[in-house]
Protein backbone atom coordinates (compact mmCIF):
# COMPACT_ATOMS: atom_id res chain seq x y z
CA UNK A 1 62.84 101.92 109.57
CA UNK A 2 66.20 102.88 110.99
CA UNK A 3 66.26 106.38 112.46
CA UNK A 4 69.11 108.67 111.44
CA UNK A 5 69.08 110.62 114.71
CA UNK A 6 68.27 109.47 118.25
CA UNK A 7 68.22 111.20 121.65
CA UNK A 8 69.56 109.99 125.00
CA UNK A 9 67.20 109.93 128.01
CA UNK A 10 69.26 112.68 129.71
CA UNK A 11 69.06 114.94 126.65
CA UNK A 12 65.35 114.21 126.28
CA UNK A 13 64.81 115.43 129.85
CA UNK A 14 66.62 118.70 129.12
CA UNK A 15 64.60 119.14 125.91
CA UNK A 16 61.39 118.75 127.93
CA UNK A 17 62.60 121.46 130.34
CA UNK A 18 63.46 123.77 127.43
CA UNK A 19 60.07 123.17 125.82
CA UNK A 20 58.35 124.13 129.07
CA UNK A 21 60.17 127.45 128.98
CA UNK A 22 60.42 128.22 125.25
CA UNK A 23 57.63 126.26 123.54
CA UNK A 24 58.25 124.30 120.34
CA UNK A 25 61.90 123.71 119.50
CA UNK A 26 64.09 122.73 116.57
CA UNK A 27 67.67 121.48 116.21
CA UNK A 28 70.36 122.22 113.65
CA UNK A 29 73.64 120.31 113.57
CA UNK A 30 76.29 122.97 113.36
CA UNK A 31 78.97 122.52 110.74
CA UNK A 32 81.80 123.95 112.79
CA UNK A 33 83.59 127.27 112.59
CA UNK A 34 83.17 129.48 115.65
CA UNK A 35 80.79 127.22 117.59
CA UNK A 36 82.46 123.91 116.76
CA UNK A 37 80.42 121.04 115.42
CA UNK A 38 77.56 120.57 117.85
CA UNK A 39 73.80 120.19 117.78
CA UNK A 40 72.17 123.52 118.46
CA UNK A 41 68.68 124.00 119.90
CA UNK A 42 66.49 126.97 118.98
CA UNK A 43 62.89 128.03 119.37
CA UNK A 44 61.06 126.62 116.35
CA UNK A 45 61.52 128.99 113.42
CA UNK A 46 64.26 131.01 115.15
CA UNK A 47 67.01 129.49 112.97
CA UNK A 48 66.60 130.41 109.31
CA UNK A 49 66.49 127.27 107.15
CA UNK A 50 66.84 127.25 103.40
CA UNK A 51 67.42 125.15 100.32
CA UNK A 52 70.85 124.16 101.59
CA UNK A 53 69.37 122.34 104.64
CA UNK A 54 67.83 118.90 105.03
CA UNK A 55 65.68 117.46 107.81
CA UNK A 56 67.23 114.16 108.89
CA UNK A 57 64.74 113.25 111.60
CA UNK A 58 62.93 114.22 114.77
CA UNK A 59 64.06 113.92 118.39
CA UNK A 60 61.76 114.41 121.39
CA UNK A 61 59.18 115.94 119.05
CA UNK A 62 61.68 118.44 117.58
CA UNK A 63 62.71 118.55 113.93
CA UNK A 64 66.44 117.99 113.40
CA UNK A 65 68.26 119.62 110.46
CA UNK A 66 71.73 119.92 108.97
CA UNK A 67 73.20 121.41 105.82
CA UNK A 68 73.16 119.20 102.73
CA UNK A 69 76.94 119.50 102.37
CA UNK A 70 77.50 118.32 105.93
CA UNK A 71 74.90 115.56 105.51
CA UNK A 72 77.02 114.13 102.67
CA UNK A 73 79.74 113.43 105.26
CA UNK A 74 77.34 112.12 107.94
CA UNK A 75 74.84 110.15 105.82
CA UNK A 76 76.46 106.82 106.72
CA UNK A 77 76.22 107.46 110.46
CA UNK A 78 73.52 107.38 113.09
CA UNK A 79 73.64 110.35 115.45
CA UNK A 80 72.85 110.13 119.16
CA UNK A 81 72.15 113.52 120.71
CA UNK A 82 73.30 113.65 124.31
CA UNK A 83 73.88 116.32 126.96
CA UNK A 84 76.97 117.08 129.00
CA UNK A 85 77.91 119.61 131.69
CA UNK A 86 79.87 122.57 130.46
CA UNK A 87 79.28 125.80 128.70
CA UNK A 88 79.35 125.68 124.92
CA UNK A 89 80.13 128.73 122.85
CA UNK A 90 76.90 129.10 120.90
CA UNK A 91 73.41 130.57 121.00
CA UNK A 92 71.83 127.18 121.72
CA UNK A 93 69.07 127.33 124.37
CA UNK A 94 70.69 124.91 126.84
CA UNK A 95 73.83 127.04 127.30
CA UNK A 96 72.45 129.21 130.17
CA UNK A 97 71.74 125.96 132.08
CA UNK A 98 75.49 125.19 132.18
CA UNK A 99 74.93 122.32 129.75
CA UNK A 100 75.56 121.65 126.09
CA UNK A 101 74.20 119.18 123.61
CA UNK A 102 76.72 116.90 121.96
CA UNK A 103 76.63 114.24 119.28
CA UNK A 104 77.87 110.67 119.36
CA UNK A 105 77.92 108.82 116.07
CA UNK A 106 78.32 105.32 114.73
CA UNK A 107 78.33 103.85 111.24
CA UNK A 108 75.16 102.18 110.05
CA UNK A 109 75.28 98.46 109.32
CA UNK A 110 74.57 97.30 105.76
CA UNK A 111 71.05 96.21 106.73
CA UNK A 112 70.37 99.55 108.44
CA UNK A 113 71.56 101.45 105.35
CA UNK A 114 68.98 99.59 103.30
CA UNK A 115 66.19 100.63 105.69
CA UNK A 116 66.86 104.30 106.58
CA UNK A 117 64.13 106.83 107.23
CA UNK A 118 63.94 109.31 104.35
CA UNK A 119 65.25 112.84 104.64
CA UNK A 120 63.22 115.93 103.76
CA UNK A 121 64.53 118.83 101.69
CA UNK A 122 63.97 122.30 103.09
CA UNK A 123 62.74 125.18 100.95
CA UNK A 124 63.67 128.83 101.08
């Protein structure tokens, strides 16, 4: 199966550090507005999910979500979650470390599209 979301080794290392401090984590791909469009990391359950969200995969043992509306735009792309120096403007857990998660994307090939991991609907 082709994964919809992957994690870079550098981001995986930061996630491990955050888990050591905060316990289980979750990610939500922000849709923009005030915090831009970036992956945001929270303590598991800290971000309120609902029927308008979908789980698109798991990275470093953390569930990864985005809104259904946004997923419609991204469903043809594979996301790579990476880390970069700099302070983002969000409540994501990596911000106090002087880092921020970022997303790289690429279009799936035809054969990958035919073999994608399924998404999971969230409930209220």
